[in-house]
Protein backbone atom coordinates (compact mmCIF):
# COMPACT_ATOMS: atom_id res chain seq x y z
CA MET A 1 0.00 0.00 0.00
CA ALA A 2 1.38 3.40 -0.92
CA ARG A 3 2.26 5.65 1.99
CA ASP A 4 0.10 8.75 2.45
CA THR A 5 2.46 11.63 1.69
CA SER A 6 -0.05 14.34 2.58
CA VAL A 7 1.35 14.37 6.14
CA PRO A 8 5.10 15.05 6.55
CA LEU A 9 7.06 12.05 7.82
CA GLY A 10 8.23 13.89 10.96
CA VAL A 11 4.66 14.84 11.88
CA ARG A 12 3.49 11.28 11.27
CA ALA A 13 6.25 9.92 13.50
CA GLN A 14 5.27 12.36 16.24
CA GLU A 15 1.62 11.34 15.83
CA VAL A 16 2.50 7.67 16.27
CA MET A 17 4.73 8.41 19.27
CA VAL A 18 2.11 10.48 21.11
CA GLY A 19 -0.57 7.89 20.35
CA LEU A 20 1.59 5.13 21.82
CA LEU A 21 2.43 7.13 24.93
CA GLY A 22 -1.27 7.47 25.75
CA ARG A 23 -1.67 3.67 25.73
CA LEU A 24 1.25 2.76 28.00
CA PRO A 25 0.61 1.39 31.51
CA ASP A 26 0.26 4.08 34.16
CA ARG A 27 3.55 3.24 35.92
CA VAL A 28 5.49 3.45 32.65
CA ARG A 29 3.85 6.71 31.66
CA SER A 30 4.57 8.17 35.10
CA ALA A 31 8.24 7.21 34.85
CA LEU A 32 8.57 8.71 31.37
CA ALA A 33 6.82 11.92 32.42
CA GLY A 34 9.65 12.89 34.74
CA PRO A 35 9.50 14.45 38.22
CA GLU A 36 6.25 15.54 39.78
CA ILE A 37 5.28 19.19 39.34
CA ILE A 38 3.41 20.58 42.34
CA VAL A 39 2.13 24.15 42.64
CA ASP A 40 0.06 25.36 45.59
CA GLY A 41 -0.28 21.78 46.78
CA GLU A 42 -1.74 20.46 43.50
CA ALA A 43 0.17 18.01 41.29
CA LEU A 44 0.10 18.41 37.51
CA ALA A 45 -1.47 15.37 35.83
CA VAL A 46 0.85 12.73 34.40
CA ASP A 47 -0.84 13.14 31.01
CA VAL A 48 0.22 16.77 30.90
CA ARG A 49 3.79 16.18 32.05
CA LEU A 50 4.17 13.45 29.47
CA LEU A 51 2.76 15.63 26.69
CA ILE A 52 4.98 18.60 27.52
CA ARG A 53 8.07 16.42 27.79
CA SER A 54 7.39 14.55 24.54
CA LEU A 55 6.75 17.73 22.55
CA GLY A 56 9.43 19.96 24.01
CA GLU A 57 9.22 23.72 24.48
CA LYS A 58 9.43 24.56 20.77
CA GLU A 59 6.74 22.14 19.58
CA SER A 60 4.31 23.10 22.35
CA ALA A 61 4.60 26.86 21.68
CA LEU A 62 1.40 28.54 20.53
CA VAL A 63 3.03 31.64 19.05
CA VAL A 64 5.62 31.08 16.31
CA GLU A 65 8.01 33.88 15.38
CA ASP A 66 5.48 36.56 16.34
CA SER A 67 3.49 35.63 13.21
CA PRO A 68 -0.25 34.83 13.06
CA GLU A 69 0.27 32.98 9.76
CA LEU A 70 3.12 30.79 11.06
CA SER A 71 1.30 30.19 14.35
CA ARG A 72 -1.82 29.04 12.48
CA ALA A 73 0.20 26.75 10.24
CA ALA A 74 2.00 25.19 13.20
CA LEU A 75 -1.28 24.52 14.98
CA GLU A 76 -2.83 22.94 11.88
CA ARG A 77 0.23 20.68 11.50
CA SER A 78 -0.38 19.40 15.02
CA ALA A 79 -3.95 18.30 14.19
CA PRO A 80 -2.96 14.69 13.28
CA MET A 81 -1.16 14.36 16.61
CA LEU A 82 -4.29 15.44 18.50
CA ARG A 83 -6.22 12.59 16.87
CA ALA A 84 -3.45 10.07 17.52
CA GLY A 85 -5.08 8.16 20.37
CA ARG A 86 -8.61 8.16 18.99
CA ARG A 87 -10.50 4.90 19.38
CA PRO A 88 -13.24 3.73 17.00
CA THR A 89 -16.51 5.42 17.93
CA GLN A 90 -20.15 5.15 17.09
CA ALA A 91 -21.08 6.52 13.70
CA VAL A 92 -21.31 10.29 13.56
CA THR A 93 -22.72 11.80 10.39
CA VAL A 94 -20.84 14.89 9.27
CA SER A 95 -22.13 17.55 6.87
CA GLU A 96 -20.91 20.98 5.85
CA VAL A 97 -23.28 23.95 6.10
CA CYS A 98 -23.14 27.74 5.80
CA LEU A 99 -24.49 30.07 8.45
CA LYS A 100 -25.20 33.77 8.29
CA GLY A 101 -22.33 35.66 9.91
CA GLY A 102 -21.84 39.21 11.05
CA GLN A 103 -20.96 40.24 7.47
CA ASN A 104 -20.36 37.15 5.34
CA ALA A 105 -21.43 33.52 5.35
CA LEU A 106 -19.71 31.36 7.95
CA GLU A 107 -18.56 27.82 7.24
CA ALA A 108 -19.76 25.31 9.81
CA THR A 109 -19.78 21.55 10.37
CA LEU A 110 -22.85 19.69 11.66
CA TYR A 111 -22.14 16.51 13.65
CA GLU A 112 -25.08 14.12 14.15
CA PRO A 113 -24.56 11.02 16.34
CA ALA A 114 -26.14 7.72 15.33
CA SER A 115 -28.01 7.66 18.66
CA CYS A 116 -29.55 11.07 18.01
CA PRO A 117 -33.35 11.21 17.88
CA GLY A 118 -35.13 12.79 14.93
CA THR A 119 -35.11 16.15 16.70
CA SER A 120 -32.48 16.92 19.30
CA GLY A 121 -30.87 19.70 21.22
CA ALA A 122 -27.67 21.20 19.84
CA LEU A 123 -24.43 22.82 20.85
CA VAL A 124 -23.33 25.78 18.73
CA PHE A 125 -19.59 25.45 19.28
CA PHE A 126 -16.80 28.02 18.88
CA HIS A 127 -13.20 26.81 18.79
CA GLY A 128 -10.34 28.17 20.88
CA GLY A 129 -7.19 29.87 19.69
CA GLY A 130 -7.05 33.37 21.15
CA TRP A 131 -9.26 34.78 18.36
CA VAL A 132 -6.15 34.58 16.13
CA ILE A 133 -5.44 30.89 15.48
CA GLY A 134 -7.48 27.66 15.44
CA SER A 135 -10.21 26.37 13.16
CA ARG A 136 -13.18 24.00 13.09
CA ALA A 137 -11.05 21.61 10.98
CA GLY A 138 -8.52 21.44 13.79
CA TYR A 139 -11.37 20.67 16.19
CA ASP A 140 -13.01 18.02 14.03
CA HIS A 141 -12.14 15.25 16.49
CA VAL A 142 -13.66 17.37 19.28
CA GLY A 143 -16.92 17.88 17.39
CA ARG A 144 -17.23 14.14 16.79
CA PHE A 145 -16.46 13.31 20.42
CA LEU A 146 -18.95 15.83 21.84
CA ALA A 147 -21.70 14.69 19.48
CA GLU A 148 -21.20 11.04 20.40
CA HIS A 149 -20.90 11.54 24.15
CA SER A 150 -23.64 14.14 24.51
CA GLY A 151 -26.06 12.29 22.21
CA HIS A 152 -27.02 15.58 20.55
CA ARG A 153 -26.11 17.52 17.44
CA VAL A 154 -23.06 19.77 17.47
CA LEU A 155 -22.63 22.67 15.06
CA SER A 156 -18.98 23.78 14.96
CA VAL A 157 -18.54 27.28 13.53
CA ASP A 158 -15.60 29.06 11.91
CA TYR A 159 -15.65 32.75 12.80
CA ARG A 160 -13.48 35.58 11.50
CA LEU A 161 -10.01 35.78 13.03
CA ALA A 162 -7.81 38.70 14.05
CA PRO A 163 -5.71 40.61 13.21
CA GLU A 164 -7.27 40.58 9.73
CA ASP A 165 -10.72 40.92 11.32
CA PRO A 166 -10.25 42.25 14.85
CA PHE A 167 -12.87 42.79 17.55
CA PRO A 168 -15.85 42.95 17.23
CA ALA A 169 -15.86 40.69 14.12
CA ALA A 170 -15.76 37.38 16.02
CA VAL A 171 -18.35 38.61 18.54
CA ASP A 172 -20.73 39.63 15.76
CA ASP A 173 -20.20 36.32 13.95
CA ALA A 174 -20.94 34.29 17.07
CA LEU A 175 -24.27 35.97 17.79
CA ALA A 176 -25.27 35.84 14.11
CA ALA A 177 -24.39 32.13 13.97
CA PHE A 178 -26.58 31.42 17.00
CA ASP A 179 -29.49 33.42 15.59
CA ASP A 180 -29.23 31.71 12.19
CA THR A 181 -29.11 28.28 13.83
CA VAL A 182 -32.33 29.06 15.69
CA SER A 183 -34.05 30.32 12.56
CA ARG A 184 -33.03 27.16 10.63
CA ALA A 185 -33.47 24.72 13.50
CA GLU A 186 -36.04 22.58 11.70
CA GLU A 187 -33.70 22.26 8.69
CA PHE A 188 -30.93 20.96 10.97
CA GLY A 189 -33.17 18.65 13.02
CA ILE A 190 -32.78 20.79 16.12
CA ALA A 191 -35.31 21.88 18.72
CA PRO A 192 -35.03 25.69 18.66
CA ASP A 193 -35.54 26.02 22.42
CA ARG A 194 -32.75 23.53 23.22
CA ILE A 195 -29.74 25.24 21.69
CA VAL A 196 -26.71 25.77 23.93
CA VAL A 197 -23.76 27.98 23.00
CA GLY A 198 -20.30 26.87 24.03
CA GLY A 199 -16.64 26.54 23.32
CA ASP A 200 -13.22 26.47 24.87
CA SER A 201 -10.84 29.33 25.65
CA ALA A 202 -11.52 32.21 23.22
CA GLY A 203 -14.47 30.21 21.90
CA ALA A 204 -15.90 29.99 25.41
CA THR A 205 -15.51 33.75 25.70
CA LEU A 206 -17.46 34.19 22.46
CA ALA A 207 -20.17 31.85 23.77
CA ALA A 208 -20.44 33.77 27.04
CA VAL A 209 -20.63 37.10 25.19
CA THR A 210 -23.28 35.64 22.85
CA ALA A 211 -25.38 34.51 25.81
CA ARG A 212 -25.00 37.94 27.45
CA ARG A 213 -25.88 39.85 24.27
CA ALA A 214 -28.86 37.63 23.45
CA ALA A 215 -30.25 37.89 26.99
CA GLY A 216 -29.76 41.65 27.16
CA ARG A 217 -31.15 42.76 23.82
CA GLY A 218 -34.82 42.46 24.79
CA HIS A 219 -35.87 40.61 21.63
CA GLY A 220 -34.98 37.48 19.71
CA PRO A 221 -33.95 34.05 20.95
CA VAL A 222 -31.82 33.34 24.02
CA PRO A 223 -29.63 30.22 24.33
CA ALA A 224 -30.90 27.43 26.55
CA GLY A 225 -27.50 27.35 28.24
CA GLN A 226 -23.83 28.25 28.02
CA TRP A 227 -21.16 25.52 28.06
CA LEU A 228 -17.89 27.25 28.88
CA LEU A 229 -14.47 25.63 29.14
CA TYR A 230 -11.76 27.87 30.65
CA PRO A 231 -13.01 31.18 29.17
CA ALA A 232 -11.11 34.47 29.21
CA THR A 233 -13.54 36.75 31.04
CA ASP A 234 -11.37 39.74 32.00
CA LEU A 235 -9.02 41.19 29.39
CA ALA A 236 -8.54 44.36 31.44
CA THR A 237 -7.11 43.13 34.76
CA ARG A 238 -4.43 40.67 35.87
CA HIS A 239 -5.71 38.07 38.30
CA PRO A 240 -3.31 36.16 40.61
CA SER A 241 -3.36 32.95 38.54
CA ARG A 242 -1.73 34.89 35.66
CA ASP A 243 1.41 35.19 37.79
CA THR A 244 1.27 31.71 39.34
CA TYR A 245 0.73 29.73 36.11
CA GLY A 246 1.93 32.13 33.43
CA LYS A 247 4.94 30.07 32.40
CA GLY A 248 5.53 26.38 31.76
CA PHE A 249 1.95 25.13 31.36
CA LEU A 250 1.25 25.39 27.59
CA LEU A 251 -0.49 28.81 27.66
CA THR A 252 1.97 31.46 28.83
CA ASP A 253 1.44 35.03 29.98
CA ASP A 254 3.36 36.21 26.90
CA ASP A 255 0.92 34.24 24.71
CA ILE A 256 -2.04 35.89 26.43
CA LEU A 257 -0.70 39.38 25.84
CA TRP A 258 0.08 38.55 22.20
CA PHE A 259 -3.44 37.25 21.56
CA TYR A 260 -5.09 40.22 23.29
CA ASP A 261 -3.00 42.74 21.35
CA HIS A 262 -3.83 41.10 18.02
CA TYR A 263 -7.53 40.74 18.83
CA LEU A 264 -8.20 44.23 20.17
CA PRO A 265 -7.54 47.34 18.08
CA PRO A 266 -5.85 50.29 19.83
CA GLY A 267 -8.28 52.34 21.87
CA VAL A 268 -10.80 49.59 22.56
CA ASP A 269 -12.11 49.70 26.13
CA ARG A 270 -11.09 46.36 27.60
CA THR A 271 -13.81 46.61 30.24
CA ASP A 272 -16.47 46.61 27.50
CA PRO A 273 -18.64 43.58 28.40
CA ASP A 274 -18.42 42.41 24.78
CA VAL A 275 -14.67 42.11 25.40
CA SER A 276 -14.65 41.12 29.08
CA VAL A 277 -17.88 39.48 30.22
CA LEU A 278 -16.85 39.89 33.85
CA TYR A 279 -17.93 43.52 33.53
CA GLY A 280 -21.46 44.84 32.94
CA GLU A 281 -24.89 43.82 34.13
CA VAL A 282 -26.22 40.26 34.16
CA ALA A 283 -29.59 40.25 32.40
CA PRO A 284 -32.48 38.53 34.22
CA ASP A 285 -32.90 35.86 31.51
CA THR A 286 -29.19 35.00 31.25
CA PRO A 287 -29.10 31.24 30.57
CA PRO A 288 -27.69 28.65 32.98
CA ALA A 289 -23.98 27.98 32.73
CA HIS A 290 -21.69 25.00 33.00
CA LEU A 291 -18.27 26.57 33.53
CA VAL A 292 -15.06 24.55 33.74
CA THR A 293 -11.70 25.95 34.77
CA ALA A 294 -8.28 24.29 34.80
CA GLY A 295 -6.11 24.37 37.89
CA PHE A 296 -2.84 25.08 36.07
CA ASP A 297 -4.31 27.87 33.93
CA PRO A 298 -3.31 31.55 33.99
CA LEU A 299 -6.99 32.36 33.26
CA ARG A 300 -8.36 30.22 36.09
CA ASP A 301 -9.18 32.98 38.56
CA GLU A 302 -11.10 35.19 36.14
CA GLY A 303 -13.15 32.22 34.95
CA GLU A 304 -14.11 31.38 38.51
CA SER A 305 -14.88 35.04 39.22
CA TYR A 306 -17.34 34.97 36.32
CA ALA A 307 -19.02 31.86 37.73
CA ASP A 308 -19.36 33.73 41.06
CA LYS A 309 -20.79 36.79 39.30
CA LEU A 310 -23.44 34.75 37.49
CA ARG A 311 -24.33 32.86 40.64
CA SER A 312 -24.65 36.08 42.65
CA ALA A 313 -27.08 37.37 40.01
CA GLY A 314 -29.27 34.29 40.43
CA VAL A 315 -28.13 32.43 37.31
CA PRO A 316 -27.90 28.64 37.82
CA VAL A 317 -24.21 27.72 37.54
CA THR A 318 -22.35 24.45 37.69
CA ALA A 319 -18.69 25.30 38.27
CA VAL A 320 -16.01 22.63 37.96
CA ARG A 321 -12.26 23.00 38.45
CA GLU A 322 -10.13 20.31 36.78
CA ALA A 323 -7.40 20.96 39.31
CA ASP A 324 -4.54 18.96 37.74
CA LEU A 325 -4.98 20.11 34.12
CA PRO A 326 -3.77 23.15 32.15
CA HIS A 327 -5.54 25.57 29.86
CA GLY A 328 -6.51 24.08 26.51
CA PHE A 329 -7.13 20.46 27.52
CA LEU A 330 -10.25 19.92 25.36
CA PRO A 331 -8.39 19.15 22.08
CA PHE A 332 -6.18 16.68 24.00
CA VAL A 333 -9.15 14.38 24.66
CA HIS A 334 -7.50 11.42 22.88
CA LEU A 335 -3.98 11.90 24.27
CA GLY A 336 -4.38 10.21 27.63
CA PRO A 337 -6.87 8.88 30.18
CA ARG A 338 -6.93 12.00 32.35
CA PHE A 339 -7.70 14.27 29.39
CA ASN A 340 -10.39 11.84 28.26
CA GLN A 341 -11.93 11.69 31.73
CA ALA A 342 -12.23 15.47 32.02
CA VAL A 343 -13.67 15.98 28.53
CA THR A 344 -16.09 13.08 28.95
CA ALA A 345 -17.38 14.63 32.18
CA SER A 346 -17.96 17.93 30.36
CA ALA A 347 -19.72 16.14 27.49
CA HIS A 348 -22.03 14.45 29.98
CA ALA A 349 -22.76 17.85 31.54
CA LEU A 350 -23.65 19.06 28.05
CA ARG A 351 -26.01 16.10 27.66
CA ARG A 352 -27.79 17.16 30.86
CA MET A 353 -28.06 20.77 29.68
CA LEU A 354 -29.58 19.69 26.38
CA GLY A 355 -32.12 17.42 28.04
């Protein structure tokens, strides 16, 4: 059989290596991961130590040569590695659709699990990547996993990226994508009153802003819930976790500043609630939230502050801290048992939100 040359040999070798590491016995993986890393009494998961050690500092960097284009390309090259440990799953039907965006049509992927009833709830999902990198293609394995394990449809949306399209382009796209999904719910086999918005990292921020804007506008549909994994909720203020976990745990403080500066044009008020959802009023019909933070995440404290803010305003909130994991663990779902456990728990929470 001819070898597939579409993936460079070095990337394929790395994919095989990472896939094998995830299947080793626990004692072997622990030995290969190196010394324990403990901060504030919490030990970093073996899965994470093993991943960081196997990739090295250069391969795990999110920002490459201060270039959005090179950073995007590097992340896309890592996509095969992220799928390396994937096991066979139930059938998930995949189709490509277009949604109405803030200005132009948005490409999206609809994932429908075999177990899905004729009409189901749905997650409108926004990928992470600091509003600068990332894509729905890079999250394809995530969309499939969430559809299978939630038992509901997942609509993964590509939104405009900065710096080519800075704030508020992504924010406008996210709300428009939600509204268009509601208006076409019957076409997609979705119950219009059971649509949750969600995402991870920057995508979770977009979902939270979408829920806030929809609830506060006084007309139009409001999401049934918000499914938020380690969102950035305060782009204006440094919280203590930025200093504690800002180096050595995949997302660095330098990365955060780089993403913020590319996303936000000069002069934008960073306390604008469309930028930082931690600011501003909480509308009475703000939807319930499932909010997950990571213990070894520079953004942990602001995410948990947002959960507190919603709860204080009377919004039902389920807040979970995955104490031994870093920012960005969702795409690592197939790279080890601890990653899989955390993402599976979040998928089950999504199932409960969707009914």
